[in-house]
Amino acid sequence: MQLEKKKVLIVDDQNGIRVLLMEVFSSEGYVTFQAPNGKLALEIVRQESPDLVLLDMKIPGMDGLEILKHIKSIDRDIKVIMMTAYGELDMIKEATDHGALMHFTKPFDIDEMRMAVNMQLRGGEPKNRYAVGS
């Protein structure tokens, strides 16, 4: 039985970060989408209903908090992990209040990010493990 592939949306105004994360999560077997700004991110959220959004805090035009609020108003069940450039602790707390699960400070450890996303979307089961029991 083929499980439907989980969808990950990467929202960051830095192309290099989007490309890196797209490669990482595509190779993990996820369907990936990317957006350089809030407007496009929200269009993708409406059309594709991603399971998880990796969302940069500082995006020109519409900041990460604003985008987060819009995502949650579209679908409260979408999981959101924030990415921040510096210790924006007040914003991180507010993001958590609005439903963000966790945050990574740039530059982040790509393996930690990968494990966090896998845990959120696969319930912590590493790839290539077999279920034990009936």
Protein backbone atom coordinates (compact mmCIF):
# COMPACT_ATOMS: atom_id res chain seq x y z
CA MET A 1 0.00 0.00 0.00
CA GLN A 2 1.49 3.34 -1.08
CA LEU A 3 1.02 6.09 1.45
CA GLU A 4 0.25 9.47 -0.01
CA LYS A 5 3.41 11.54 -0.01
CA LYS A 6 3.58 14.27 2.58
CA LYS A 7 3.94 17.82 1.30
CA VAL A 8 6.48 20.33 2.57
CA LEU A 9 6.38 24.03 1.70
CA ILE A 10 9.58 26.06 2.11
CA VAL A 11 9.08 29.80 2.50
CA ASP A 12 12.26 31.89 2.46
CA ASP A 13 13.34 34.94 0.48
CA GLN A 14 16.85 33.45 0.11
CA ASN A 15 17.00 31.28 -2.99
CA GLY A 16 20.00 29.27 -1.73
CA ILE A 17 18.14 28.15 1.39
CA ARG A 18 15.04 27.20 -0.60
CA VAL A 19 17.10 25.16 -3.07
CA LEU A 20 19.02 23.39 -0.29
CA LEU A 21 15.88 22.51 1.68
CA MET A 22 14.02 21.42 -1.49
CA GLU A 23 16.86 18.99 -2.28
CA VAL A 24 17.01 17.64 1.26
CA PHE A 25 13.27 17.05 1.61
CA SER A 26 12.76 15.78 -1.94
CA SER A 27 15.44 13.16 -1.26
CA GLU A 28 13.56 12.26 1.95
CA GLY A 29 10.57 11.40 -0.26
CA TYR A 30 8.41 14.47 0.33
CA VAL A 31 6.62 16.50 -2.31
CA THR A 32 8.21 19.95 -1.97
CA PHE A 33 7.03 23.42 -2.85
CA GLN A 34 8.83 26.72 -2.44
CA ALA A 35 7.86 30.34 -2.16
CA PRO A 36 10.05 33.46 -1.92
CA ASN A 37 7.27 35.57 -0.37
CA GLY A 38 4.07 35.44 1.65
CA LYS A 39 1.67 36.01 -1.22
CA LEU A 40 2.92 32.99 -3.16
CA ALA A 41 3.23 30.92 0.03
CA LEU A 42 -0.46 31.47 0.85
CA GLU A 43 -1.50 30.59 -2.72
CA ILE A 44 0.40 27.29 -2.39
CA VAL A 45 -1.17 26.66 1.03
CA ARG A 46 -4.64 27.14 -0.46
CA GLN A 47 -3.98 25.00 -3.55
CA GLU A 48 -1.78 22.22 -2.17
CA SER A 49 -2.58 22.00 1.58
CA PRO A 50 0.98 21.18 2.64
CA ASP A 51 1.42 19.00 5.73
CA LEU A 52 4.28 21.14 7.00
CA VAL A 53 5.64 24.63 6.29
CA LEU A 54 9.22 25.71 6.95
CA LEU A 55 8.76 29.44 7.35
CA ASP A 56 11.41 32.14 7.54
CA MET A 57 10.68 34.85 10.10
CA LYS A 58 12.09 37.75 8.07
CA ILE A 59 10.53 38.01 4.62
CA PRO A 60 10.14 41.33 2.78
CA GLY A 61 6.55 42.43 2.32
CA MET A 62 4.81 40.12 4.77
CA ASP A 63 6.78 38.86 7.77
CA GLY A 64 6.76 35.29 9.03
CA LEU A 65 4.31 36.01 11.85
CA GLU A 66 1.79 37.47 9.44
CA ILE A 67 2.20 34.50 7.08
CA LEU A 68 1.87 32.10 10.03
CA LYS A 69 -1.42 33.70 11.10
CA HIS A 70 -2.76 33.44 7.54
CA ILE A 71 -1.67 29.78 7.22
CA LYS A 72 -3.39 28.90 10.50
CA SER A 73 -6.56 30.75 9.42
CA ILE A 74 -6.62 28.67 6.21
CA ASP A 75 -5.92 25.34 7.95
CA ARG A 76 -5.15 25.02 11.67
CA ASP A 77 -3.73 21.52 11.19
CA ILE A 78 -0.80 22.56 8.99
CA LYS A 79 2.41 22.16 10.97
CA VAL A 80 4.74 25.15 10.91
CA ILE A 81 8.43 25.29 11.83
CA MET A 82 9.93 28.78 11.94
CA MET A 83 13.43 29.72 10.78
CA THR A 84 15.06 32.85 12.19
CA ALA A 85 18.26 34.68 11.38
CA TYR A 86 18.96 36.04 14.83
CA GLY A 87 17.62 35.71 18.34
CA GLU A 88 14.23 37.28 17.70
CA LEU A 89 12.97 35.86 20.96
CA ASP A 90 9.88 38.05 21.24
CA MET A 91 8.84 37.06 17.72
CA ILE A 92 9.61 33.39 18.41
CA LYS A 93 7.38 33.45 21.48
CA GLU A 94 4.60 35.12 19.49
CA ALA A 95 5.04 32.56 16.69
CA THR A 96 4.68 29.75 19.24
CA ASP A 97 1.56 31.43 20.62
CA HIS A 98 0.14 31.38 17.09
CA GLY A 99 0.82 27.67 16.61
CA ALA A 100 4.41 27.31 15.38
CA LEU A 101 5.83 24.00 16.65
CA MET A 102 9.48 24.96 16.94
CA HIS A 103 12.12 27.19 15.44
CA PHE A 104 15.60 26.89 14.01
CA THR A 105 18.14 29.69 14.16
CA LYS A 106 20.18 30.21 10.99
CA PRO A 107 22.61 28.87 10.17
CA PHE A 108 20.83 25.69 11.23
CA ASP A 109 22.11 22.13 11.22
CA ILE A 110 20.49 20.56 8.18
CA ASP A 111 20.42 17.11 9.81
CA GLU A 112 18.61 18.47 12.86
CA MET A 113 16.11 20.16 10.56
CA ARG A 114 15.64 16.93 8.59
CA MET A 115 15.10 14.91 11.77
CA ALA A 116 12.63 17.46 13.15
CA VAL A 117 10.57 17.41 9.94
CA ASN A 118 10.65 13.61 9.77
CA MET A 119 9.51 13.43 13.38
CA GLN A 120 6.61 15.81 12.71
CA LEU A 121 5.50 14.06 9.51
CA ARG A 122 6.35 10.43 10.24
CA GLY A 123 5.84 10.34 13.97
CA GLY A 124 9.52 9.89 14.67
CA GLU A 125 9.96 6.69 12.71
CA PRO A 126 13.25 6.63 10.87
CA LYS A 127 13.16 5.63 7.22
CA ASN A 128 13.64 1.95 6.39
CA ARG A 129 12.21 0.66 9.66
CA TYR A 130 9.65 -2.09 9.73
CA ALA A 131 6.66 -2.01 12.03
CA VAL A 132 6.88 -4.66 14.72
CA GLY A 133 3.78 -6.48 15.89
CA SER A 134 0.50 -7.39 14.28
